[in-house]
Protein backbone atom coordinates (compact mmCIF):
# COMPACT_ATOMS: atom_id res chain seq x y z
CA UNK A 1 -305.35 67.86 -166.57
CA UNK A 2 -307.88 70.30 -165.11
CA UNK A 3 -311.58 70.14 -166.03
CA UNK A 4 -311.27 73.46 -167.88
CA UNK A 5 -308.28 72.22 -169.87
CA UNK A 6 -310.11 69.01 -170.73
CA UNK A 7 -313.09 71.03 -171.98
CA UNK A 8 -310.86 73.21 -174.15
CA UNK A 9 -309.08 70.15 -175.52
CA UNK A 10 -312.41 68.41 -176.24
CA UNK A 11 -313.78 71.49 -177.97
CA UNK A 12 -310.67 71.67 -180.10
CA UNK A 13 -311.10 68.02 -181.04
CA UNK A 14 -314.71 68.67 -182.08
CA UNK A 15 -313.64 71.67 -184.14
CA UNK A 16 -310.86 69.70 -185.81
CA UNK A 17 -313.27 66.91 -186.72
CA UNK A 18 -315.82 69.42 -188.06
CA UNK A 19 -313.14 70.98 -190.24
CA UNK A 20 -312.02 67.57 -191.50
CA UNK A 21 -315.58 66.65 -192.40
CA UNK A 22 -316.16 69.95 -194.18
CA UNK A 23 -312.90 69.69 -196.12
CA UNK A 24 -313.59 66.06 -197.00
CA UNK A 25 -317.02 66.95 -198.36
CA UNK A 26 -315.60 69.80 -200.45
CA UNK A 27 -312.82 67.66 -201.90
CA UNK A 28 -314.79 64.44 -202.41
CA UNK A 29 -315.37 63.38 -205.99
CA UNK A 30 -318.26 61.12 -205.07
CA UNK A 31 -321.05 61.70 -202.56
CA UNK A 32 -324.66 60.62 -202.39
CA UNK A 33 -325.75 64.18 -201.62
CA UNK A 34 -323.75 67.38 -201.74
CA UNK A 35 -326.34 69.94 -200.75
CA UNK A 36 -325.33 73.47 -199.83
CA UNK A 37 -323.28 72.66 -196.74
CA UNK A 38 -319.95 72.19 -198.53
CA UNK A 39 -320.08 75.38 -200.60
CA UNK A 40 -318.33 78.62 -199.74
CA UNK A 41 -320.20 81.91 -199.51
CA UNK A 42 -318.77 82.89 -202.88
CA UNK A 43 -319.98 79.65 -204.46
CA UNK A 44 -323.47 79.96 -202.97
CA UNK A 45 -323.81 83.56 -204.14
CA UNK A 46 -322.56 82.69 -207.62
CA UNK A 47 -324.98 79.78 -207.88
CA UNK A 48 -327.91 81.97 -206.83
CA UNK A 49 -326.92 84.74 -209.25
CA UNK A 50 -326.78 82.20 -212.08
CA UNK A 51 -330.14 80.62 -211.35
CA UNK A 52 -332.25 83.54 -210.14
CA UNK A 53 -333.04 85.05 -213.58
CA UNK A 54 -334.91 81.83 -214.41
CA UNK A 55 -337.44 82.40 -211.64
CA UNK A 56 -337.87 86.16 -211.20
CA UNK A 57 -337.27 89.43 -213.00
CA UNK A 58 -334.15 90.81 -211.35
CA UNK A 59 -334.89 94.28 -212.68
CA UNK A 60 -337.79 94.48 -210.24
CA UNK A 61 -337.21 96.42 -207.00
CA UNK A 62 -335.99 94.48 -203.99
CA UNK A 63 -338.66 93.46 -201.50
CA UNK A 64 -339.54 95.60 -198.50
CA UNK A 65 -341.22 93.92 -195.52
CA UNK A 66 -342.61 91.01 -197.49
CA UNK A 67 -343.73 92.44 -200.84
CA UNK A 68 -342.29 91.84 -204.32
CA UNK A 69 -340.42 88.55 -204.67
CA UNK A 70 -341.64 87.38 -201.24
CA UNK A 71 -345.25 87.81 -202.33
CA UNK A 72 -344.48 85.93 -205.56
CA UNK A 73 -343.05 83.06 -203.53
CA UNK A 74 -346.10 82.96 -201.25
CA UNK A 75 -348.45 82.82 -204.22
CA UNK A 76 -346.41 80.01 -205.81
CA UNK A 77 -346.49 77.93 -202.64
CA UNK A 78 -350.24 78.44 -202.13
CA UNK A 79 -350.84 77.29 -205.70
CA UNK A 80 -348.62 74.20 -205.38
CA UNK A 81 -350.32 73.14 -202.14
CA UNK A 82 -353.83 73.99 -203.28
CA UNK A 83 -354.41 76.46 -200.43
CA UNK A 84 -356.05 79.88 -200.42
CA UNK A 85 -352.96 81.69 -199.19
CA UNK A 86 -349.44 81.26 -197.85
CA UNK A 87 -347.10 83.33 -195.69
CA UNK A 88 -343.31 83.33 -195.78
CA UNK A 89 -341.47 82.81 -192.47
CA UNK A 90 -337.78 82.96 -191.62
CA UNK A 91 -338.01 79.60 -189.79
CA UNK A 92 -340.32 76.65 -189.55
CA UNK A 93 -340.21 76.82 -185.76
CA UNK A 94 -341.84 80.25 -185.90
CA UNK A 95 -344.31 79.23 -188.62
CA UNK A 96 -345.64 76.23 -186.72
CA UNK A 97 -345.87 77.91 -183.33
CA UNK A 98 -347.88 80.72 -184.88
CA UNK A 99 -350.13 78.40 -186.89
CA UNK A 100 -350.97 76.32 -183.84
CA UNK A 101 -351.50 79.25 -181.49
CA UNK A 102 -353.90 80.72 -184.08
CA UNK A 103 -355.79 77.43 -184.23
CA UNK A 104 -355.80 77.26 -180.41
CA UNK A 105 -357.50 80.66 -180.25
CA UNK A 106 -360.11 79.49 -182.74
CA UNK A 107 -360.82 76.10 -181.16
CA UNK A 108 -360.54 77.34 -177.57
CA UNK A 109 -358.15 74.48 -176.78
CA UNK A 110 -354.35 74.99 -176.57
CA UNK A 111 -353.64 71.24 -176.49
CA UNK A 112 -351.76 69.90 -179.51
CA UNK A 113 -351.68 66.14 -180.09
CA UNK A 114 -348.45 64.98 -181.73
CA UNK A 115 -345.75 62.31 -181.77
CA UNK A 116 -342.98 62.46 -179.14
CA UNK A 117 -340.41 62.36 -181.97
CA UNK A 118 -341.99 65.33 -183.75
CA UNK A 119 -339.73 68.31 -184.33
CA UNK A 120 -341.26 70.61 -181.67
CA UNK A 121 -340.76 67.94 -179.00
CA UNK A 122 -337.16 67.09 -179.91
CA UNK A 123 -335.49 70.08 -181.53
CA UNK A 124 -337.13 73.31 -180.32
CA UNK A 125 -336.27 73.53 -176.60
CA UNK A 126 -339.92 73.27 -175.55
CA UNK A 127 -340.87 76.37 -177.52
CA UNK A 128 -344.53 75.33 -177.67
CA UNK A 129 -344.90 75.72 -173.92
CA UNK A 130 -342.23 78.31 -173.20
CA UNK A 131 -343.12 80.78 -175.96
CA UNK A 132 -346.58 80.05 -177.35
CA UNK A 133 -348.59 78.77 -174.40
CA UNK A 134 -349.41 75.50 -176.15
CA UNK A 135 -349.66 72.14 -174.42
CA UNK A 136 -348.33 69.14 -176.36
CA UNK A 137 -349.68 65.66 -175.61
CA UNK A 138 -348.18 62.47 -177.00
CA UNK A 139 -350.36 60.05 -178.92
CA UNK A 140 -347.99 57.08 -179.12
CA UNK A 141 -344.43 56.06 -178.30
CA UNK A 142 -344.10 53.77 -181.32
CA UNK A 143 -341.58 54.85 -184.00
CA UNK A 144 -344.30 55.53 -186.57
CA UNK A 145 -347.11 57.99 -187.17
CA UNK A 146 -350.14 57.54 -184.88
CA UNK A 147 -352.95 55.29 -185.98
CA UNK A 148 -356.57 56.31 -186.45
CA UNK A 149 -357.53 54.44 -183.28
CA UNK A 150 -354.86 56.26 -181.26
CA UNK A 151 -356.09 59.59 -182.59
CA UNK A 152 -359.76 58.76 -182.07
CA UNK A 153 -359.47 57.13 -178.65
CA UNK A 154 -357.00 59.49 -176.96
CA UNK A 155 -358.14 60.05 -173.40
CA UNK A 156 -358.42 63.84 -173.39
CA UNK A 157 -359.60 66.61 -175.72
CA UNK A 158 -357.17 68.40 -178.02
CA UNK A 159 -357.69 71.32 -180.34
CA UNK A 160 -355.22 70.36 -183.05
CA UNK A 161 -353.54 67.23 -184.39
CA UNK A 162 -350.04 67.83 -185.76
CA UNK A 163 -348.58 65.22 -188.11
CA UNK A 164 -344.95 65.37 -189.22
CA UNK A 165 -344.78 64.00 -192.77
CA UNK A 166 -342.39 62.24 -192.98
CA UNK A 167 -341.52 61.61 -189.33
CA UNK A 168 -337.81 62.36 -189.56
CA UNK A 169 -336.47 61.01 -186.26
CA UNK A 170 -338.26 57.69 -186.74
CA UNK A 171 -336.47 57.17 -190.06
CA UNK A 172 -338.32 59.53 -192.42
CA UNK A 173 -341.32 57.23 -192.24
CA UNK A 174 -344.79 57.78 -193.67
CA UNK A 175 -348.12 56.01 -193.26
CA UNK A 176 -349.93 54.61 -196.27
CA UNK A 177 -352.36 56.94 -198.00
CA UNK A 178 -355.28 54.99 -196.58
CA UNK A 179 -353.84 55.18 -193.05
CA UNK A 180 -353.28 58.93 -193.41
CA UNK A 181 -356.83 59.61 -194.55
CA UNK A 182 -358.18 57.50 -191.70
CA UNK A 183 -356.09 59.44 -189.18
CA UNK A 184 -357.35 62.75 -190.55
CA UNK A 185 -360.94 61.51 -190.43
CA UNK A 186 -360.44 60.40 -186.83
CA UNK A 187 -359.20 63.86 -185.85
CA UNK A 188 -362.19 65.46 -187.53
CA UNK A 189 -364.48 63.21 -185.48
CA UNK A 190 -362.78 64.66 -182.41
CA UNK A 191 -363.54 68.19 -183.69
CA UNK A 192 -359.82 68.84 -183.99
CA UNK A 193 -358.08 70.75 -186.77
CA UNK A 194 -355.25 69.01 -188.64
CA UNK A 195 -351.88 70.64 -189.22
CA UNK A 196 -349.11 69.04 -191.29
CA UNK A 197 -345.50 69.60 -190.33
CA UNK A 198 -344.49 69.23 -193.96
CA UNK A 199 -340.87 70.33 -193.74
CA UNK A 200 -340.18 67.49 -196.16
CA UNK A 201 -343.67 67.16 -197.61
CA UNK A 202 -342.27 67.89 -201.08
CA UNK A 203 -340.83 64.38 -201.46
CA UNK A 204 -343.87 62.38 -200.25
CA UNK A 205 -345.65 62.19 -203.61
CA UNK A 206 -343.95 58.94 -204.70
CA UNK A 207 -344.88 57.07 -201.53
CA UNK A 208 -348.45 58.36 -201.44
CA UNK A 209 -348.96 58.19 -205.20
CA UNK A 210 -350.75 61.54 -205.05
CA UNK A 211 -349.92 65.10 -206.16
CA UNK A 212 -348.86 67.69 -203.62
CA UNK A 213 -352.14 69.57 -203.60
CA UNK A 214 -354.12 66.42 -202.86
CA UNK A 215 -351.80 65.49 -199.99
CA UNK A 216 -351.86 69.00 -198.53
CA UNK A 217 -355.61 69.12 -199.07
CA UNK A 218 -356.13 66.68 -196.22
CA UNK A 219 -354.92 69.26 -193.69
CA UNK A 220 -356.35 72.56 -192.51
CA UNK A 221 -352.86 74.08 -192.60
CA UNK A 222 -349.44 73.01 -193.81
CA UNK A 223 -345.90 74.17 -193.10
CA UNK A 224 -343.18 73.54 -195.69
CA UNK A 225 -339.44 74.20 -195.61
CA UNK A 226 -337.33 75.67 -198.39
CA UNK A 227 -333.88 74.44 -197.37
CA UNK A 228 -334.27 70.84 -196.24
CA UNK A 229 -335.08 69.30 -199.64
CA UNK A 230 -335.18 72.25 -202.02
CA UNK A 231 -331.66 73.44 -201.05
CA UNK A 232 -332.71 77.04 -200.49
CA UNK A 233 -330.74 79.28 -198.15
CA UNK A 234 -333.36 79.17 -195.39
CA UNK A 235 -337.00 79.95 -194.80
CA UNK A 236 -340.41 78.33 -194.63
CA UNK A 237 -344.03 78.93 -195.51
CA UNK A 238 -347.36 78.39 -193.81
CA UNK A 239 -350.29 77.66 -196.13
CA UNK A 240 -353.99 77.45 -195.36
CA UNK A 241 -357.20 79.49 -195.32
CA UNK A 242 -356.68 83.19 -196.07
CA UNK A 243 -358.14 84.25 -192.74
CA UNK A 244 -355.65 82.04 -190.88
CA UNK A 245 -352.72 83.24 -193.00
CA UNK A 246 -353.66 86.88 -192.47
CA UNK A 247 -353.77 86.31 -188.72
CA UNK A 248 -350.46 84.44 -188.89
CA UNK A 249 -348.85 87.42 -190.61
CA UNK A 250 -349.85 89.60 -187.69
CA UNK A 251 -348.23 87.18 -185.27
CA UNK A 252 -345.20 86.90 -187.57
CA UNK A 253 -344.65 90.61 -186.97
CA UNK A 254 -345.07 90.18 -183.22
CA UNK A 255 -342.59 87.30 -183.17
CA UNK A 256 -339.97 89.39 -184.98
CA UNK A 257 -340.29 87.63 -188.31
CA UNK A 258 -340.83 90.74 -190.44
CA UNK A 259 -337.32 91.17 -191.84
CA UNK A 260 -336.70 94.34 -193.86
CA UNK A 261 -335.49 92.49 -196.99
CA UNK A 262 -335.50 88.77 -197.73
CA UNK A 263 -334.91 88.58 -201.46
CA UNK A 264 -331.86 86.23 -201.35
CA UNK A 265 -333.78 83.66 -199.33
CA UNK A 266 -336.97 84.06 -201.37
CA UNK A 267 -335.08 83.78 -204.66
CA UNK A 268 -333.28 80.64 -203.49
CA UNK A 269 -336.65 79.14 -202.53
CA UNK A 270 -338.09 79.89 -205.98
CA UNK A 271 -334.99 78.32 -207.55
CA UNK A 272 -335.52 75.21 -205.42
CA UNK A 273 -339.15 74.97 -206.50
CA UNK A 274 -338.08 75.32 -210.13
CA UNK A 275 -335.04 73.03 -210.14
CA UNK A 276 -335.17 70.60 -207.23
CA UNK A 277 -338.89 69.97 -206.73
CA UNK A 278 -339.34 68.25 -210.14
CA UNK A 279 -336.33 66.00 -209.42
CA UNK A 280 -337.36 64.79 -205.97
CA UNK A 281 -339.34 61.77 -207.27
CA UNK A 282 -336.21 60.66 -209.12
CA UNK A 283 -334.17 60.98 -205.91
CA UNK A 284 -336.75 58.94 -203.99
CA UNK A 285 -336.70 56.13 -206.53
CA UNK A 286 -332.89 56.01 -206.59
CA UNK A 287 -332.74 56.08 -202.79
CA UNK A 288 -334.44 52.69 -202.90
CA UNK A 289 -331.68 51.38 -205.16
CA UNK A 290 -329.03 52.76 -202.83
CA UNK A 291 -330.72 51.36 -199.72
CA UNK A 292 -330.92 47.87 -201.20
CA UNK A 293 -327.27 48.05 -202.26
CA UNK A 294 -326.21 49.16 -198.77
CA UNK A 295 -328.00 46.19 -197.20
CA UNK A 296 -326.41 43.77 -199.65
CA UNK A 297 -323.03 45.45 -199.26
CA UNK A 298 -322.94 45.08 -195.49
CA UNK A 299 -324.00 41.45 -195.75
CA UNK A 300 -321.31 40.71 -198.33
CA UNK A 301 -318.72 42.54 -196.22
CA UNK A 302 -319.51 40.28 -193.26
CA UNK A 303 -320.96 42.85 -190.88
CA UNK A 304 -322.75 40.74 -188.28
CA UNK A 305 -325.62 43.17 -187.77
CA UNK A 306 -326.62 46.13 -189.92
CA UNK A 307 -329.94 47.76 -190.63
CA UNK A 308 -331.27 50.08 -193.29
CA UNK A 309 -334.50 51.68 -192.09
CA UNK A 310 -337.00 51.65 -193.68
CA UNK A 311 -335.85 48.73 -195.83
CA UNK A 312 -337.51 50.47 -198.76
CA UNK A 313 -337.19 54.21 -198.08
CA UNK A 314 -340.39 56.25 -198.07
CA UNK A 315 -338.52 59.36 -199.23
CA UNK A 316 -335.00 60.09 -200.51
CA UNK A 317 -333.73 59.93 -196.92
CA UNK A 318 -333.37 56.98 -194.55
CA UNK A 319 -331.37 55.66 -191.61
CA UNK A 320 -328.43 53.25 -191.41
CA UNK A 321 -327.69 51.45 -188.13
CA UNK A 322 -324.37 49.72 -187.38
CA UNK A 323 -322.96 47.91 -184.30
CA UNK A 324 -320.12 50.32 -183.56
CA UNK A 325 -319.54 53.43 -181.49
CA UNK A 326 -320.25 56.68 -183.34
CA UNK A 327 -316.66 57.89 -183.01
CA UNK A 328 -315.36 54.83 -184.83
CA UNK A 329 -317.81 55.24 -187.70
CA UNK A 330 -317.19 58.97 -188.13
CA UNK A 331 -313.45 58.40 -188.31
CA UNK A 332 -313.83 55.58 -190.86
CA UNK A 333 -316.14 57.68 -193.03
CA UNK A 334 -313.84 60.72 -193.02
CA UNK A 335 -310.71 58.65 -193.68
CA UNK A 336 -312.41 56.95 -196.60
CA UNK A 337 -313.24 60.34 -198.08
CA UNK A 338 -309.76 61.74 -197.47
CA UNK A 339 -307.98 58.72 -198.90
CA UNK A 340 -310.24 57.71 -201.78
CA UNK A 341 -312.36 60.77 -202.66
CA UNK A 342 -315.53 58.76 -201.94
CA UNK A 343 -317.57 60.06 -199.01
CA UNK A 344 -320.22 57.41 -198.42
CA UNK A 345 -321.61 58.55 -195.05
CA UNK A 346 -321.42 62.34 -194.81
CA UNK A 347 -323.84 62.70 -191.91
CA UNK A 348 -323.23 62.61 -188.18
CA UNK A 349 -323.35 59.26 -186.40
CA UNK A 350 -325.51 59.32 -183.27
CA UNK A 351 -325.48 56.80 -180.45
CA UNK A 352 -328.48 54.51 -180.72
CA UNK A 353 -327.64 52.33 -177.70
CA UNK A 354 -324.60 50.55 -176.23
CA UNK A 355 -322.24 49.80 -179.12
CA UNK A 356 -324.83 50.93 -181.66
CA UNK A 357 -324.97 54.02 -183.87
CA UNK A 358 -327.15 55.44 -186.60
CA UNK A 359 -326.78 58.00 -189.34
CA UNK A 360 -329.06 59.55 -191.93
CA UNK A 361 -328.45 59.02 -195.63
CA UNK A 362 -329.74 61.46 -198.24
CA UNK A 363 -329.73 60.69 -201.96
CA UNK A 364 -329.68 63.80 -204.14
CA UNK A 365 -328.48 64.76 -207.60
CA UNK A 366 -324.93 63.59 -206.89
CA UNK A 367 -326.23 60.19 -205.82
CA UNK A 368 -327.89 59.52 -209.17
CA UNK A 369 -324.44 58.76 -210.58
CA UNK A 370 -324.00 55.79 -208.25
CA UNK A 371 -324.92 52.32 -209.45
CA UNK A 372 -325.74 49.54 -207.01
CA UNK A 373 -322.28 48.09 -207.62
CA UNK A 374 -320.70 51.46 -206.83
CA UNK A 375 -322.51 51.51 -203.50
CA UNK A 376 -321.48 47.97 -202.59
CA UNK A 377 -317.85 48.69 -203.49
CA UNK A 378 -317.89 51.79 -201.29
CA UNK A 379 -319.42 49.77 -198.43
CA UNK A 380 -316.71 47.12 -198.71
CA UNK A 381 -314.02 49.79 -198.54
CA UNK A 382 -315.74 51.50 -195.61
CA UNK A 383 -316.08 48.25 -193.64
CA UNK A 384 -312.39 47.45 -194.25
CA UNK A 385 -311.55 50.59 -192.27
CA UNK A 386 -313.52 49.45 -189.22
CA UNK A 387 -311.81 47.62 -186.32
């Protein structure tokens, strides 16, 4: 078979698997998290039309270049985070680049200290350097947030410290509240501003034992996402001092982020703040039940090596590691869903080393129906499908 034919065949295999996964998620009676990925366009529109009247007067005119419902969303976010102002952005990538380039202009230093697993380093194709003229430096290679000593003793000056809370690619991990405050204090001693990548900041209140505004109050600026935990259609916000937000809005226009109308996205974000935000602490607490049951289930099923990380999740998301190739685990998960209607592991499995794979588990509203025994029974059935 030619290389071109092999590529076509491989692409077809990927597409077939993607379709199987999507169909399995739609048909499954039991999942830990359903989210918006399995819904059709019709279903998403119907859901938004049903919920939107709870959060905004639909007789108001549609927004034009950021007024109306978009302004209402910005004011709501600023209030929740205890900041002077907030600006809506189509993506978090744009929001954070703009925030940090604004801070760089103010501090006179384009160097941003961050973790090598932070989103800009892993998922944005080097946008900091290629688009915004920023220079990232890495504080630590450990799979955790940097310590106060690492922040304080770093060998070169930096204008901003960026902290991803939680650090997703390390397992959705968070420091303790005391560690976080010490890190922020250490950055201040270096005359650096502090920016939180808070894409998932909404669900950190249980771990920190603090309200959102107190957590956000540690940072000079904060970015939050509307679709990752709040199940909005898309979008993000940058919150901070009014002067910074006003400047960021200017750069938002320059970056092409001034869409003519954004009311569907803004409405879905307001719905998420109204419906999902109050439930996130419940999801976090139940994720700990699910994680413990997964550990016990793999032990009882005789899996020689399995890890749930963190052992007690810091948020409603965590990692599961198993000693198999990703392809084997994906196939077992999809077959379980197709044959039983229970889709235990809906996420992708990524290679974590030779013969080792990991996936991310999210516990949402659908997961609240699962008892610990339900989880262990699903694990036993899943393991029985493995070679």
